[in-house]
Amino acid sequence: MRSWQIVAGLAALAVAAQCYGLYRPTGPPAPPWFPQADKVQHAAGFGLPVALVLSALGLRARQRGASLGRRVLITVASIFLAHAVLSEVIQHTFYRHRSGDPLDVLADSVGVVLGVAVAVRVFRRRSGSQVLR
Protein backbone atom coordinates (compact mmCIF):
# COMPACT_ATOMS: atom_id res chain seq x y z
CA MET A 1 0.00 0.00 0.00
CA ARG A 2 1.33 3.43 -0.87
CA SER A 3 1.77 6.12 1.76
CA TRP A 4 -0.85 8.40 0.23
CA GLN A 5 -3.42 5.62 0.53
CA ILE A 6 -2.70 5.20 4.24
CA VAL A 7 -3.01 8.95 4.81
CA ALA A 8 -6.20 9.02 2.73
CA GLY A 9 -7.65 6.30 4.97
CA LEU A 10 -6.74 8.33 8.05
CA ALA A 11 -8.34 11.39 6.44
CA ALA A 12 -11.55 9.42 5.81
CA LEU A 13 -11.62 8.35 9.47
CA ALA A 14 -11.03 11.95 10.60
CA VAL A 15 -13.87 13.23 8.40
CA ALA A 16 -16.17 10.46 9.69
CA ALA A 17 -15.35 11.40 13.29
CA GLN A 18 -15.92 15.06 12.44
CA CYS A 19 -19.35 14.30 10.96
CA TYR A 20 -20.27 12.19 13.97
CA GLY A 21 -19.38 15.05 16.31
CA LEU A 22 -21.22 17.64 14.25
CA TYR A 23 -24.37 15.69 13.43
CA ARG A 24 -25.11 13.49 16.43
CA PRO A 25 -28.47 14.41 17.97
CA THR A 26 -27.05 15.80 21.21
CA GLY A 27 -24.02 17.90 22.04
CA PRO A 28 -20.90 16.67 23.81
CA PRO A 29 -21.77 14.29 26.67
CA ALA A 30 -19.15 15.47 29.16
CA PRO A 31 -18.77 18.89 30.75
CA PRO A 32 -16.07 21.00 29.07
CA TRP A 33 -12.47 20.83 30.32
CA PHE A 34 -12.52 24.62 30.68
CA PRO A 35 -14.80 27.47 29.54
CA GLN A 36 -15.17 27.50 25.74
CA ALA A 37 -13.25 24.20 25.41
CA ASP A 38 -15.64 23.24 22.63
CA LYS A 39 -14.04 25.92 20.45
CA VAL A 40 -10.70 24.09 20.73
CA GLN A 41 -12.50 20.87 19.81
CA HIS A 42 -14.09 22.58 16.80
CA ALA A 43 -10.72 23.91 15.60
CA ALA A 44 -9.09 20.50 16.00
CA GLY A 45 -12.10 18.79 14.43
CA PHE A 46 -11.59 20.80 11.26
CA GLY A 47 -7.82 21.23 11.34
CA LEU A 48 -6.95 17.52 11.47
CA PRO A 49 -9.14 16.43 8.53
CA VAL A 50 -7.95 19.35 6.38
CA ALA A 51 -4.29 18.57 7.13
CA LEU A 52 -4.81 14.88 6.39
CA VAL A 53 -6.77 15.42 3.17
CA LEU A 54 -4.16 17.86 1.86
CA SER A 55 -1.34 15.53 2.94
CA ALA A 56 -2.90 12.62 1.07
CA LEU A 57 -3.38 14.76 -2.03
CA GLY A 58 0.16 16.12 -1.74
CA LEU A 59 1.66 12.64 -1.40
CA ARG A 60 -0.34 11.48 -4.41
CA ALA A 61 0.86 14.47 -6.44
CA ARG A 62 4.47 13.86 -5.39
CA GLN A 63 4.17 10.22 -6.45
CA ARG A 64 3.22 11.48 -9.89
CA GLY A 65 6.12 13.91 -9.98
CA ALA A 66 3.97 16.98 -9.40
CA SER A 67 3.28 19.31 -6.52
CA LEU A 68 0.14 20.31 -4.70
CA GLY A 69 -1.49 23.08 -6.71
CA ARG A 70 -3.07 26.21 -5.29
CA ARG A 71 -6.37 25.30 -6.90
CA VAL A 72 -6.50 22.02 -4.95
CA LEU A 73 -5.59 23.77 -1.71
CA ILE A 74 -8.24 26.46 -2.20
CA THR A 75 -10.86 23.87 -3.18
CA VAL A 76 -10.25 21.70 -0.11
CA ALA A 77 -10.25 24.73 2.20
CA SER A 78 -13.45 26.07 0.59
CA ILE A 79 -15.26 22.75 0.97
CA PHE A 80 -14.40 22.56 4.66
CA LEU A 81 -15.31 26.21 5.25
CA ALA A 82 -18.68 25.66 3.59
CA HIS A 83 -19.15 22.55 5.73
CA ALA A 84 -18.43 24.63 8.85
CA VAL A 85 -21.23 27.04 8.03
CA LEU A 86 -23.65 24.38 6.82
CA SER A 87 -23.18 22.20 9.90
CA GLU A 88 -24.13 25.04 12.22
CA VAL A 89 -27.18 25.92 10.12
CA ILE A 90 -28.26 22.27 10.18
CA GLN A 91 -27.75 22.02 13.95
CA HIS A 92 -29.78 25.18 14.51
CA THR A 93 -32.58 24.29 12.10
CA PHE A 94 -33.09 20.55 12.46
CA TYR A 95 -31.89 19.55 15.95
CA ARG A 96 -33.98 20.08 19.05
CA HIS A 97 -31.09 19.70 21.54
CA ARG A 98 -28.43 21.55 19.53
CA SER A 99 -28.00 25.13 18.41
CA GLY A 100 -26.01 26.86 15.71
CA ASP A 101 -23.22 29.03 17.06
CA PRO A 102 -21.38 31.63 14.94
CA LEU A 103 -18.39 31.28 17.27
CA ASP A 104 -18.24 27.59 16.35
CA VAL A 105 -17.99 28.63 12.68
CA LEU A 106 -15.14 30.94 13.61
CA ALA A 107 -13.37 28.15 15.51
CA ASP A 108 -13.93 25.76 12.57
CA SER A 109 -12.46 28.37 10.22
CA VAL A 110 -9.39 28.77 12.43
CA GLY A 111 -9.02 24.99 12.29
CA VAL A 112 -9.20 25.01 8.48
CA VAL A 113 -6.51 27.70 8.26
CA LEU A 114 -4.29 25.82 10.72
CA GLY A 115 -4.80 22.55 8.82
CA VAL A 116 -3.77 24.21 5.55
CA ALA A 117 -0.75 25.82 7.23
CA VAL A 118 0.39 22.52 8.76
CA ALA A 119 0.07 20.61 5.49
CA VAL A 120 1.93 23.28 3.49
CA ARG A 121 4.67 23.56 6.10
CA VAL A 122 5.19 19.80 6.26
CA PHE A 123 5.47 19.53 2.49
CA ARG A 124 7.83 22.49 2.22
CA ARG A 125 10.06 21.04 4.92
CA ARG A 126 10.10 17.54 3.41
CA SER A 127 10.66 18.61 -0.18
CA GLY A 128 12.88 21.63 0.44
CA SER A 129 11.06 23.53 -2.29
CA GLN A 130 7.85 25.31 -3.08
CA VAL A 131 4.82 23.14 -2.56
CA LEU A 132 2.29 25.24 -4.34
CA ARG A 133 2.18 26.14 -7.97
C-alpha atoms as a PDB file:
ATOM      1  CA  MET A   1       0.000   0.000   0.000  1.00  0.00           C
ATOM      2  CA  ARG A   2       1.328   3.434  -0.868  1.00  0.00           C
ATOM      3  CA  SER A   3       1.771   6.116   1.758  1.00  0.00           C
ATOM      4  CA  TRP A   4      -0.849   8.404   0.228  1.00  0.00           C
ATOM      5  CA  GLN A   5      -3.423   5.622   0.532  1.00  0.00           C
ATOM      6  CA  ILE A   6      -2.701   5.199   4.241  1.00  0.00           C
ATOM      7  CA  VAL A   7      -3.015   8.949   4.814  1.00  0.00           C
ATOM      8  CA  ALA A   8      -6.204   9.018   2.726  1.00  0.00           C
ATOM      9  CA  GLY A   9      -7.646   6.297   4.969  1.00  0.00           C
ATOM     10  CA  LEU A  10      -6.742   8.331   8.050  1.00  0.00           C
ATOM     11  CA  ALA A  11      -8.336  11.388   6.435  1.00  0.00           C
ATOM     12  CA  ALA A  12     -11.545   9.421   5.811  1.00  0.00           C
ATOM     13  CA  LEU A  13     -11.617   8.352   9.466  1.00  0.00           C
ATOM     14  CA  ALA A  14     -11.030  11.952  10.596  1.00  0.00           C
ATOM     15  CA  VAL A  15     -13.873  13.227   8.399  1.00  0.00           C
ATOM     16  CA  ALA A  16     -16.174  10.456   9.686  1.00  0.00           C
ATOM     17  CA  ALA A  17     -15.348  11.401  13.291  1.00  0.00           C
ATOM     18  CA  GLN A  18     -15.923  15.061  12.438  1.00  0.00           C
ATOM     19  CA  CYS A  19     -19.348  14.305  10.963  1.00  0.00           C
ATOM     20  CA  TYR A  20     -20.275  12.190  13.973  1.00  0.00           C
ATOM     21  CA  GLY A  21     -19.383  15.050  16.310  1.00  0.00           C
ATOM     22  CA  LEU A  22     -21.223  17.637  14.252  1.00  0.00           C
ATOM     23  CA  TYR A  23     -24.367  15.686  13.431  1.00  0.00           C
ATOM     24  CA  ARG A  24     -25.109  13.485  16.427  1.00  0.00           C
ATOM     25  CA  PRO A  25     -28.473  14.410  17.969  1.00  0.00           C
ATOM     26  CA  THR A  26     -27.052  15.803  21.214  1.00  0.00           C
ATOM     27  CA  GLY A  27     -24.018  17.897  22.036  1.00  0.00           C
ATOM     28  CA  PRO A  28     -20.897  16.671  23.813  1.00  0.00           C
ATOM     29  CA  PRO A  29     -21.773  14.291  26.669  1.00  0.00           C
ATOM     30  CA  ALA A  30     -19.147  15.475  29.156  1.00  0.00           C
ATOM     31  CA  PRO A  31     -18.768  18.890  30.749  1.00  0.00           C
ATOM     32  CA  PRO A  32     -16.071  20.997  29.075  1.00  0.00           C
ATOM     33  CA  TRP A  33     -12.469  20.835  30.319  1.00  0.00           C
ATOM     34  CA  PHE A  34     -12.524  24.621  30.676  1.00  0.00           C
ATOM     35  CA  PRO A  35     -14.802  27.470  29.539  1.00  0.00           C
ATOM     36  CA  GLN A  36     -15.171  27.504  25.741  1.00  0.00           C
ATOM     37  CA  ALA A  37     -13.255  24.204  25.405  1.00  0.00           C
ATOM     38  CA  ASP A  38     -15.641  23.235  22.632  1.00  0.00           C
ATOM     39  CA  LYS A  39     -14.040  25.916  20.451  1.00  0.00           C
ATOM     40  CA  VAL A  40     -10.703  24.089  20.728  1.00  0.00           C
ATOM     41  CA  GLN A  41     -12.498  20.875  19.813  1.00  0.00           C
ATOM     42  CA  HIS A  42     -14.085  22.585  16.804  1.00  0.00           C
ATOM     43  CA  ALA A  43     -10.721  23.909  15.604  1.00  0.00           C
ATOM     44  CA  ALA A  44      -9.090  20.495  16.003  1.00  0.00           C
ATOM     45  CA  GLY A  45     -12.102  18.788  14.430  1.00  0.00           C
ATOM     46  CA  PHE A  46     -11.590  20.799  11.258  1.00  0.00           C
ATOM     47  CA  GLY A  47      -7.817  21.225  11.335  1.00  0.00           C
ATOM     48  CA  LEU A  48      -6.949  17.525  11.466  1.00  0.00           C
ATOM     49  CA  PRO A  49      -9.139  16.427   8.534  1.00  0.00           C
ATOM     50  CA  VAL A  50      -7.951  19.347   6.385  1.00  0.00           C
ATOM     51  CA  ALA A  51      -4.293  18.574   7.127  1.00  0.00           C
ATOM     52  CA  LEU A  52      -4.805  14.875   6.391  1.00  0.00           C
ATOM     53  CA  VAL A  53      -6.766  15.421   3.166  1.00  0.00           C
ATOM     54  CA  LEU A  54      -4.156  17.860   1.860  1.00  0.00           C
ATOM     55  CA  SER A  55      -1.345  15.535   2.935  1.00  0.00           C
ATOM     56  CA  ALA A  56      -2.903  12.617   1.068  1.00  0.00           C
ATOM     57  CA  LEU A  57      -3.382  14.758  -2.034  1.00  0.00           C
ATOM     58  CA  GLY A  58       0.158  16.124  -1.738  1.00  0.00           C
ATOM     59  CA  LEU A  59       1.663  12.641  -1.402  1.00  0.00           C
ATOM     60  CA  ARG A  60      -0.337  11.476  -4.406  1.00  0.00           C
ATOM     61  CA  ALA A  61       0.864  14.468  -6.437  1.00  0.00           C
ATOM     62  CA  ARG A  62       4.474  13.862  -5.390  1.00  0.00           C
ATOM     63  CA  GLN A  63       4.167  10.223  -6.445  1.00  0.00           C
ATOM     64  CA  ARG A  64       3.215  11.481  -9.892  1.00  0.00           C
ATOM     65  CA  GLY A  65       6.122  13.907  -9.979  1.00  0.00           C
ATOM     66  CA  ALA A  66       3.965  16.976  -9.401  1.00  0.00           C
ATOM     67  CA  SER A  67       3.285  19.312  -6.517  1.00  0.00           C
ATOM     68  CA  LEU A  68       0.139  20.312  -4.696  1.00  0.00           C
ATOM     69  CA  GLY A  69      -1.494  23.077  -6.713  1.00  0.00           C
ATOM     70  CA  ARG A  70      -3.072  26.210  -5.290  1.00  0.00           C
ATOM     71  CA  ARG A  71      -6.370  25.298  -6.895  1.00  0.00           C
ATOM     72  CA  VAL A  72      -6.497  22.018  -4.951  1.00  0.00           C
ATOM     73  CA  LEU A  73      -5.588  23.768  -1.713  1.00  0.00           C
ATOM     74  CA  ILE A  74      -8.243  26.456  -2.204  1.00  0.00           C
ATOM     75  CA  THR A  75     -10.862  23.867  -3.183  1.00  0.00           C
ATOM     76  CA  VAL A  76     -10.255  21.700  -0.106  1.00  0.00           C
ATOM     77  CA  ALA A  77     -10.249  24.732   2.205  1.00  0.00           C
ATOM     78  CA  SER A  78     -13.451  26.072   0.590  1.00  0.00           C
ATOM     79  CA  ILE A  79     -15.264  22.753   0.973  1.00  0.00           C
ATOM     80  CA  PHE A  80     -14.402  22.561   4.662  1.00  0.00           C
ATOM     81  CA  LEU A  81     -15.312  26.213   5.249  1.00  0.00           C
ATOM     82  CA  ALA A  82     -18.678  25.661   3.590  1.00  0.00           C
ATOM     83  CA  HIS A  83     -19.152  22.553   5.730  1.00  0.00           C
ATOM     84  CA  ALA A  84     -18.433  24.625   8.849  1.00  0.00           C
ATOM     85  CA  VAL A  85     -21.232  27.043   8.030  1.00  0.00           C
ATOM     86  CA  LEU A  86     -23.653  24.382   6.817  1.00  0.00           C
ATOM     87  CA  SER A  87     -23.180  22.195   9.899  1.00  0.00           C
ATOM     88  CA  GLU A  88     -24.130  25.039  12.221  1.00  0.00           C
ATOM     89  CA  VAL A  89     -27.184  25.916  10.121  1.00  0.00           C
ATOM     90  CA  ILE A  90     -28.262  22.266  10.184  1.00  0.00           C
ATOM     91  CA  GLN A  91     -27.753  22.025  13.948  1.00  0.00           C
ATOM     92  CA  HIS A  92     -29.775  25.181  14.512  1.00  0.00           C
ATOM     93  CA  THR A  93     -32.576  24.293  12.102  1.00  0.00           C
ATOM     94  CA  PHE A  94     -33.085  20.546  12.464  1.00  0.00           C
ATOM     95  CA  TYR A  95     -31.894  19.551  15.947  1.00  0.00           C
ATOM     96  CA  ARG A  96     -33.976  20.079  19.052  1.00  0.00           C
ATOM     97  CA  HIS A  97     -31.089  19.702  21.537  1.00  0.00           C
ATOM     98  CA  ARG A  98     -28.434  21.552  19.530  1.00  0.00           C
ATOM     99  CA  SER A  99     -27.999  25.126  18.411  1.00  0.00           C
ATOM    100  CA  GLY A 100     -26.011  26.860  15.709  1.00  0.00           C
ATOM    101  CA  ASP A 101     -23.221  29.033  17.058  1.00  0.00           C
ATOM    102  CA  PRO A 102     -21.383  31.625  14.937  1.00  0.00           C
ATOM    103  CA  LEU A 103     -18.386  31.277  17.267  1.00  0.00           C
ATOM    104  CA  ASP A 104     -18.237  27.594  16.349  1.00  0.00           C
ATOM    105  CA  VAL A 105     -17.994  28.627  12.683  1.00  0.00           C
ATOM    106  CA  LEU A 106     -15.140  30.941  13.614  1.00  0.00           C
ATOM    107  CA  ALA A 107     -13.373  28.148  15.515  1.00  0.00           C
ATOM    108  CA  ASP A 108     -13.933  25.762  12.573  1.00  0.00           C
ATOM    109  CA  SER A 109     -12.462  28.366  10.220  1.00  0.00           C
ATOM    110  CA  VAL A 110      -9.393  28.769  12.429  1.00  0.00           C
ATOM    111  CA  GLY A 111      -9.020  24.989  12.289  1.00  0.00           C
ATOM    112  CA  VAL A 112      -9.204  25.008   8.484  1.00  0.00           C
ATOM    113  CA  VAL A 113      -6.514  27.697   8.260  1.00  0.00           C
ATOM    114  CA  LEU A 114      -4.291  25.817  10.717  1.00  0.00           C
ATOM    115  CA  GLY A 115      -4.805  22.552   8.820  1.00  0.00           C
ATOM    116  CA  VAL A 116      -3.774  24.214   5.551  1.00  0.00           C
ATOM    117  CA  ALA A 117      -0.749  25.821   7.230  1.00  0.00           C
ATOM    118  CA  VAL A 118       0.392  22.521   8.757  1.00  0.00           C
ATOM    119  CA  ALA A 119       0.072  20.613   5.485  1.00  0.00           C
ATOM    120  CA  VAL A 120       1.928  23.278   3.495  1.00  0.00           C
ATOM    121  CA  ARG A 121       4.667  23.557   6.103  1.00  0.00           C
ATOM    122  CA  VAL A 122       5.192  19.797   6.264  1.00  0.00           C
ATOM    123  CA  PHE A 123       5.468  19.531   2.490  1.00  0.00           C
ATOM    124  CA  ARG A 124       7.829  22.485   2.222  1.00  0.00           C
ATOM    125  CA  ARG A 125      10.064  21.042   4.918  1.00  0.00           C
ATOM    126  CA  ARG A 126      10.098  17.542   3.407  1.00  0.00           C
ATOM    127  CA  SER A 127      10.657  18.606  -0.185  1.00  0.00           C
ATOM    128  CA  GLY A 128      12.882  21.634   0.445  1.00  0.00           C
ATOM    129  CA  SER A 129      11.063  23.531  -2.289  1.00  0.00           C
ATOM    130  CA  GLN A 130       7.854  25.310  -3.078  1.00  0.00           C
ATOM    131  CA  VAL A 131       4.821  23.137  -2.558  1.00  0.00           C
ATOM    132  CA  LEU A 132       2.290  25.239  -4.342  1.00  0.00           C
ATOM    133  CA  ARG A 133       2.183  26.136  -7.974  1.00  0.00           C
END
